[in-house]
Protein backbone atom coordinates (compact mmCIF):
# COMPACT_ATOMS: atom_id res chain seq x y z
CA UNK A 1 -25.46 12.61 9.13
CA UNK A 2 -24.78 13.48 5.50
CA UNK A 3 -21.35 14.60 4.43
CA UNK A 4 -19.97 14.48 0.90
CA UNK A 5 -16.54 13.56 2.24
CA UNK A 6 -17.56 10.24 3.76
CA UNK A 7 -15.47 8.24 1.34
CA UNK A 8 -14.61 4.92 2.95
CA UNK A 9 -14.06 2.99 -0.27
CA UNK A 10 -10.51 3.86 -1.41
CA UNK A 11 -8.52 3.75 1.84
CA UNK A 12 -8.05 7.49 1.97
CA UNK A 13 -7.56 9.67 5.05
CA UNK A 14 -10.56 11.11 6.89
CA UNK A 15 -8.50 12.87 9.57
CA UNK A 16 -6.49 16.09 9.65
CA UNK A 17 -2.88 16.40 8.47
CA UNK A 18 -0.31 17.06 11.19
CA UNK A 19 0.45 20.62 12.28
CA UNK A 20 3.93 20.18 10.83
CA UNK A 21 2.43 19.55 7.39
CA UNK A 22 0.09 22.53 7.71
CA UNK A 23 2.96 24.80 8.75
CA UNK A 24 5.20 23.52 5.97
CA UNK A 25 2.58 24.49 3.41
CA UNK A 26 1.91 27.88 5.01
CA UNK A 27 5.60 28.69 5.16
CA UNK A 28 6.63 27.33 1.79
CA UNK A 29 8.90 29.73 -0.05
CA UNK A 30 7.20 30.10 -3.42
CA UNK A 31 10.45 31.35 -4.95
CA UNK A 32 11.69 27.76 -4.79
CA UNK A 33 9.37 27.04 -7.71
CA UNK A 34 11.42 29.34 -9.94
CA UNK A 35 14.35 26.92 -9.97
CA UNK A 36 15.04 23.23 -10.47
CA UNK A 37 16.45 21.44 -7.49
CA UNK A 38 20.25 21.61 -7.76
CA UNK A 39 20.97 18.64 -5.51
CA UNK A 40 21.40 16.37 -8.54
CA UNK A 41 24.73 18.14 -9.12
CA UNK A 42 25.84 16.57 -5.83
CA UNK A 43 24.97 13.09 -7.07
CA UNK A 44 21.72 12.97 -5.10
CA UNK A 45 18.10 12.90 -6.20
CA UNK A 46 16.29 15.17 -3.79
CA UNK A 47 16.25 16.65 -0.31
CA UNK A 48 13.57 14.00 0.32
CA UNK A 49 15.77 11.09 -0.74
CA UNK A 50 18.53 12.46 1.52
CA UNK A 51 16.07 12.71 4.42
CA UNK A 52 14.78 9.18 3.79
CA UNK A 53 18.34 7.91 3.62
CA UNK A 54 19.00 9.26 7.11
CA UNK A 55 15.60 8.18 8.47
CA UNK A 56 15.91 4.57 7.31
CA UNK A 57 19.72 4.30 7.54
CA UNK A 58 19.93 3.31 3.90
CA UNK A 59 22.30 4.70 1.28
CA UNK A 60 20.77 7.55 -0.71
CA UNK A 61 21.61 5.78 -3.96
CA UNK A 62 19.24 2.97 -2.90
CA UNK A 63 16.27 5.31 -2.35
CA UNK A 64 13.58 5.53 -5.04
CA UNK A 65 11.11 8.39 -5.43
CA UNK A 66 7.93 8.46 -7.45
CA UNK A 67 4.60 10.11 -8.14
CA UNK A 68 2.94 8.04 -5.45
CA UNK A 69 3.59 4.38 -4.74
CA UNK A 70 1.65 3.51 -7.89
CA UNK A 71 4.28 5.27 -10.00
CA UNK A 72 7.11 3.20 -8.51
CA UNK A 73 5.12 -0.01 -9.04
CA UNK A 74 4.27 0.95 -12.61
CA UNK A 75 7.84 1.92 -13.44
CA UNK A 76 9.21 -1.34 -12.05
CA UNK A 77 6.68 -3.62 -13.73
CA UNK A 78 6.99 -1.86 -17.09
CA UNK A 79 10.79 -1.79 -16.94
CA UNK A 80 11.38 -5.41 -16.04
CA UNK A 81 8.62 -6.88 -18.21
CA UNK A 82 10.06 -5.14 -21.26
CA UNK A 83 13.73 -5.70 -20.40
CA UNK A 84 13.71 -9.22 -21.81
CA UNK A 85 11.22 -9.78 -24.63
CA UNK A 86 11.35 -13.55 -24.10
CA UNK A 87 10.04 -13.35 -20.53
CA UNK A 88 7.03 -11.15 -19.76
CA UNK A 89 5.60 -13.20 -16.89
CA UNK A 90 4.65 -11.58 -13.58
CA UNK A 91 3.19 -13.35 -10.56
CA UNK A 92 0.65 -11.42 -8.47
CA UNK A 93 -1.51 -12.39 -5.46
CA UNK A 94 -4.90 -13.95 -6.26
CA UNK A 95 -6.74 -11.44 -4.07
CA UNK A 96 -5.04 -8.11 -4.64
CA UNK A 97 -5.24 -4.58 -6.02
CA UNK A 98 -6.61 -4.71 -9.59
CA UNK A 99 -3.91 -2.22 -10.60
CA UNK A 100 -1.18 -4.88 -10.52
CA UNK A 101 -2.63 -6.79 -13.48
CA UNK A 102 -3.57 -3.56 -15.24
CA UNK A 103 -0.01 -2.24 -15.37
CA UNK A 104 1.24 -5.62 -16.58
CA UNK A 105 -1.42 -5.62 -19.30
CA UNK A 106 -0.19 -2.18 -20.46
CA UNK A 107 3.04 -3.78 -21.69
CA UNK A 108 1.42 -7.07 -22.79
CA UNK A 109 2.66 -8.84 -19.68
CA UNK A 110 1.51 -12.32 -18.74
CA UNK A 111 0.02 -11.99 -15.25
CA UNK A 112 -0.48 -15.19 -13.27
CA UNK A 113 -2.04 -15.37 -9.83
CA UNK A 114 -0.43 -17.20 -6.95
CA UNK A 115 -2.73 -18.38 -4.15
CA UNK A 116 -3.73 -16.92 -0.83
CA UNK A 117 -5.73 -19.13 1.46
CA UNK A 118 -8.17 -18.33 4.23
CA UNK A 119 -6.98 -19.40 7.68
CA UNK A 120 -9.43 -18.62 10.49
CA UNK A 121 -10.02 -14.89 10.53
CA UNK A 122 -7.13 -14.03 8.20
CA UNK A 123 -5.57 -14.82 4.84
CA UNK A 124 -2.07 -16.18 4.28
CA UNK A 125 0.34 -16.53 1.41
CA UNK A 126 0.95 -20.11 0.34
CA UNK A 127 4.76 -20.18 0.42
CA UNK A 128 5.00 -23.72 -0.96
CA UNK A 129 2.71 -22.91 -3.89
CA UNK A 130 4.64 -19.71 -4.62
CA UNK A 131 7.94 -21.60 -4.65
CA UNK A 132 6.51 -24.19 -7.06
CA UNK A 133 5.11 -21.50 -9.37
CA UNK A 134 8.42 -19.65 -9.43
CA UNK A 135 10.29 -22.86 -10.27
CA UNK A 136 7.81 -23.77 -13.02
CA UNK A 137 7.10 -20.36 -14.58
CA UNK A 138 10.48 -18.67 -14.01
CA UNK A 139 8.79 -15.26 -13.86
CA UNK A 140 10.55 -12.01 -14.63
CA UNK A 141 8.74 -10.31 -11.75
CA UNK A 142 6.89 -11.41 -8.65
CA UNK A 143 4.83 -8.83 -6.81
CA UNK A 144 4.16 -9.26 -3.10
CA UNK A 145 1.80 -6.99 -1.16
CA UNK A 146 2.36 -6.69 2.58
CA UNK A 147 -0.07 -5.75 3.98
CA UNK A 148 -2.23 -6.95 1.13
CA UNK A 149 -5.24 -5.08 -0.22
CA UNK A 150 -8.06 -6.12 0.19
CA UNK A 151 -7.39 -9.03 2.55
CA UNK A 152 -5.48 -6.99 5.16
CA UNK A 153 -2.88 -9.65 5.97
CA UNK A 154 0.83 -8.92 6.07
CA UNK A 155 4.17 -10.70 6.29
CA UNK A 156 6.58 -10.41 9.18
CA UNK A 157 10.17 -9.49 8.26
CA UNK A 158 11.13 -13.09 9.01
CA UNK A 159 8.43 -14.45 6.68
CA UNK A 160 9.47 -12.06 3.93
CA UNK A 161 13.08 -13.16 4.33
CA UNK A 162 12.02 -16.82 4.08
CA UNK A 163 10.03 -16.11 0.94
CA UNK A 164 12.84 -14.13 -0.70
CA UNK A 165 15.30 -16.95 -0.06
CA UNK A 166 13.30 -19.20 -2.40
CA UNK A 167 13.20 -16.75 -5.31
CA UNK A 168 16.10 -16.85 -7.81
CA UNK A 169 18.07 -13.72 -8.63
CA UNK A 170 16.74 -13.56 -12.21
CA UNK A 171 13.25 -12.81 -10.84
CA UNK A 172 12.82 -9.24 -9.61
CA UNK A 173 10.80 -9.10 -6.40
CA UNK A 174 8.62 -6.01 -5.97
CA UNK A 175 7.13 -5.66 -2.48
CA UNK A 176 4.25 -3.22 -2.16
CA UNK A 177 4.38 -1.91 1.42
CA UNK A 178 1.88 0.93 1.01
CA UNK A 179 0.26 0.05 4.35
CA UNK A 180 3.35 -1.24 6.20
CA UNK A 181 3.70 1.73 8.57
CA UNK A 182 0.45 0.66 10.24
CA UNK A 183 2.12 -2.60 11.26
CA UNK A 184 5.20 -1.28 13.03
CA UNK A 185 7.45 1.73 13.38
CA UNK A 186 10.46 -0.57 13.06
CA UNK A 187 11.67 -0.68 9.46
CA UNK A 188 15.24 -1.80 10.18
CA UNK A 189 14.62 -5.04 8.25
CA UNK A 190 14.46 -3.09 4.95
CA UNK A 191 18.16 -2.26 4.98
CA UNK A 192 19.04 -5.86 5.80
CA UNK A 193 16.91 -7.30 3.01
CA UNK A 194 17.92 -4.96 0.18
CA UNK A 195 21.56 -5.56 1.07
CA UNK A 196 21.08 -9.33 1.35
CA UNK A 197 19.16 -9.91 -1.87
CA UNK A 198 20.21 -8.58 -5.32
CA UNK A 199 16.72 -8.51 -6.84
CA UNK A 200 14.55 -6.56 -4.41
CA UNK A 201 12.45 -3.39 -4.65
CA UNK A 202 10.30 -2.26 -1.71
CA UNK A 203 7.72 0.44 -2.42
CA UNK A 204 6.09 2.72 0.16
CA UNK A 205 3.94 5.86 -0.01
CA UNK A 206 2.81 8.98 1.82
CA UNK A 207 -0.80 8.19 0.84
CA UNK A 208 -1.89 5.77 3.55
CA UNK A 209 -0.31 5.99 7.02
CA UNK A 210 0.74 9.61 6.49
CA UNK A 211 -2.66 10.49 5.05
CA UNK A 212 -1.56 12.48 2.01
CA UNK A 213 -2.94 10.66 -1.05
CA UNK A 214 -3.50 14.01 -2.76
CA UNK A 215 0.22 14.80 -2.46
CA UNK A 216 1.07 11.94 -4.86
CA UNK A 217 4.43 11.18 -3.28
CA UNK A 218 5.89 7.71 -3.04
CA UNK A 219 9.27 6.32 -2.08
CA UNK A 220 11.05 3.02 -2.10
CA UNK A 221 14.23 1.07 -1.50
CA UNK A 222 16.22 -1.04 -3.94
CA UNK A 223 19.11 -3.49 -4.14
CA UNK A 224 22.35 -1.99 -5.45
CA UNK A 225 22.52 -4.71 -8.09
CA UNK A 226 19.47 -3.22 -9.83
CA UNK A 227 21.56 -0.21 -10.80
CA UNK A 228 20.09 0.09 -14.30
CA UNK A 229 16.58 0.51 -12.93
CA UNK A 230 17.84 3.12 -10.45
CA UNK A 231 19.18 5.13 -13.40
CA UNK A 232 15.96 4.62 -15.32
CA UNK A 233 13.78 5.73 -12.41
CA UNK A 234 15.73 8.86 -11.43
CA UNK A 235 14.48 12.28 -12.51
CA UNK A 236 17.40 14.37 -13.78
CA UNK A 237 15.75 17.72 -13.00
CA UNK A 238 14.47 16.70 -9.58
CA UNK A 239 11.04 16.48 -8.01
CA UNK A 240 8.16 18.71 -6.99
CA UNK A 241 9.60 21.23 -4.51
CA UNK A 242 6.32 21.61 -2.58
CA UNK A 243 5.82 17.85 -2.33
CA UNK A 244 9.37 17.41 -1.01
CA UNK A 245 8.80 19.86 1.85
CA UNK A 246 5.38 18.48 2.78
CA UNK A 247 6.61 14.88 2.66
CA UNK A 248 9.50 15.65 5.02
CA UNK A 249 7.09 17.44 7.38
CA UNK A 250 4.80 14.40 7.42
CA UNK A 251 7.66 12.00 8.07
CA UNK A 252 8.82 14.20 10.95
CA UNK A 253 5.39 14.09 12.61
CA UNK A 254 5.17 10.34 13.08
CA UNK A 255 3.55 10.71 16.54
CA UNK A 256 0.50 12.47 15.09
CA UNK A 257 -0.14 9.63 12.67
CA UNK A 258 0.59 6.90 15.21
CA UNK A 259 -2.12 8.39 17.44
CA UNK A 260 -4.57 8.15 14.55
CA UNK A 261 -3.52 4.56 13.89
CA UNK A 262 -4.22 3.84 17.55
CA UNK A 263 -7.78 5.18 17.13
CA UNK A 264 -8.19 2.94 14.11
CA UNK A 265 -7.09 -0.06 16.16
CA UNK A 266 -9.73 0.71 18.77
CA UNK A 267 -12.44 0.85 16.12
CA UNK A 268 -11.27 -2.46 14.67
CA UNK A 269 -12.26 -4.05 17.96
CA UNK A 270 -15.75 -2.53 17.65
CA UNK A 271 -16.18 -3.96 14.16
CA UNK A 272 -14.98 -7.35 15.35
CA UNK A 273 -17.27 -7.40 18.39
CA UNK A 274 -20.41 -5.89 16.88
CA UNK A 275 -20.34 -6.99 13.24
CA UNK A 276 -18.50 -10.26 13.73
CA UNK A 277 -21.28 -11.50 15.99
CA UNK A 278 -24.04 -10.97 13.40
CA UNK A 279 -25.36 -14.11 11.64
CA UNK A 280 -23.57 -14.72 8.34
CA UNK A 281 -20.93 -12.00 8.93
CA UNK A 282 -17.19 -12.47 9.37
CA UNK A 283 -14.67 -9.74 10.19
CA UNK A 284 -11.11 -10.49 9.15
CA UNK A 285 -8.00 -9.38 10.98
CA UNK A 286 -6.28 -6.46 9.31
CA UNK A 287 -2.98 -4.67 9.80
CA UNK A 288 -3.88 -1.85 7.40
CA UNK A 289 -6.26 1.13 7.46
CA UNK A 290 -9.20 -0.93 6.26
CA UNK A 291 -11.06 -4.07 7.20
CA UNK A 292 -12.55 -6.87 5.12
CA UNK A 293 -15.97 -8.21 6.07
CA UNK A 294 -17.81 -11.20 4.63
CA UNK A 295 -21.57 -10.66 4.58
CA UNK A 296 -24.72 -12.49 3.43
CA UNK A 297 -24.94 -11.62 -0.26
CA UNK A 298 -28.74 -11.37 -0.09
CA UNK A 299 -28.25 -8.17 1.94
CA UNK A 300 -26.20 -6.45 -0.78
CA UNK A 301 -28.97 -4.34 -2.30
CA UNK A 302 -30.31 -3.23 1.07
CA UNK A 303 -26.83 -2.35 2.31
CA UNK A 304 -26.05 -0.38 -0.84
CA UNK A 305 -29.28 1.57 -0.49
CA UNK A 306 -28.72 2.24 3.22
CA UNK A 307 -25.20 3.57 2.68
CA UNK A 308 -26.32 5.70 -0.25
CA UNK A 309 -28.96 7.29 1.98
CA UNK A 310 -26.24 8.11 4.50
CA UNK A 311 -24.02 9.51 1.71
CA UNK A 312 -21.37 6.96 2.63
CA UNK A 313 -19.24 5.03 0.16
CA UNK A 314 -17.76 1.65 1.01
CA UNK A 315 -16.28 -0.95 -1.31
CA UNK A 316 -18.50 -3.86 -2.35
CA UNK A 317 -16.03 -6.40 -3.68
CA UNK A 318 -16.91 -8.06 -6.99
CA UNK A 319 -13.81 -10.11 -7.79
CA UNK A 320 -14.16 -13.92 -8.12
CA UNK A 321 -14.19 -15.81 -4.79
CA UNK A 322 -14.30 -12.60 -2.80
CA UNK A 323 -17.54 -11.12 -4.17
CA UNK A 324 -19.45 -11.57 -0.92
CA UNK A 325 -17.18 -9.19 0.96
CA UNK A 326 -17.04 -5.53 1.94
CA UNK A 327 -13.83 -3.57 2.26
CA UNK A 328 -14.28 -0.59 4.56
CA UNK A 329 -11.73 2.14 5.16
CA UNK A 330 -11.29 2.93 8.85
CA UNK A 331 -12.44 6.51 9.19
CA UNK A 332 -13.00 8.76 12.17
CA UNK A 333 -14.74 7.18 15.19
CA UNK A 334 -18.07 8.84 14.40
CA UNK A 335 -17.89 7.58 10.80
CA UNK A 336 -17.10 4.05 11.92
CA UNK A 337 -20.02 4.18 14.33
CA UNK A 338 -22.43 5.11 11.52
CA UNK A 339 -21.10 2.28 9.35
CA UNK A 340 -21.45 -0.26 12.15
CA UNK A 341 -24.94 0.90 13.06
CA UNK A 342 -26.04 0.88 9.41
CA UNK A 343 -24.87 -2.69 8.92
CA UNK A 344 -26.50 -3.82 12.18
CA UNK A 345 -29.79 -2.19 11.22
CA UNK A 346 -29.93 -4.01 7.89
CA UNK A 347 -28.71 -7.32 9.31
CA UNK A 348 -31.19 -7.45 12.20
CA UNK A 349 -34.36 -6.04 10.70
């Protein structure tokens, strides 16, 4: 099977959008594009921020919107690392999205890595080490990813609360929850945490669970005390009118995407059973739309060749201490079957 769209390397969406999204695009009133959104005159950002406010039971003023989750992360890191020229330190996870360090580098930030450690078939944050680093370095920003890319581990709301309690108010905490909707439909903890802590930003996106990376629409939640960043982040003339409508349609069709997440969960069990049993392979637990697999590095060239012949792209990790690992996006069942069979063929020949 050869298909140019078999991209399983960037955690994109290999399924179909919901019917609600399709209908929203078909029925979009193009005349809306002739005018700016006028909702700002009412003291609100967007019809999307109003919808999110109602969906998450969070005040509209505490909703952030951005050009994808990456935009919210970039805005926050740039803003806080340049707010105080005497402190440009940010803490990021050791194993994490390369983009975190990149956006810190763009403003000459000092990015330090805090540790994750391997525990059985998962990775965990070292809370004690993080607390010590915060006390010693007094960072301006600490970035936490939950679930984390590429390791696939996440924090429970209780664990996140415990971690936040040890971080002083002068350090802004940015939590990247791009994959969080795969974990649970219950997001009630967000309201509690942003109202409990004065230094918290939680970023989410329509790119992962809701399968619309090409829409470039992100959203987030923020403590009231970070009012200056709220003002900085807001767009006076509003947001993309098409993106607003499609985002609301996606958020309204949660059942469609939960069914897809269920299929992904089933295929995780196939990876665990079939690949995890191969000599030298290890499949890690994941609560995101990808899995991390450790493999015998001597098979790298053969695996790369085999996937290229299938016109499949998967991620061969090359970062220090995780360069013997594959990160594979969970695609459609038939795609996952080809990936599993390809790996098995190379590993057992």
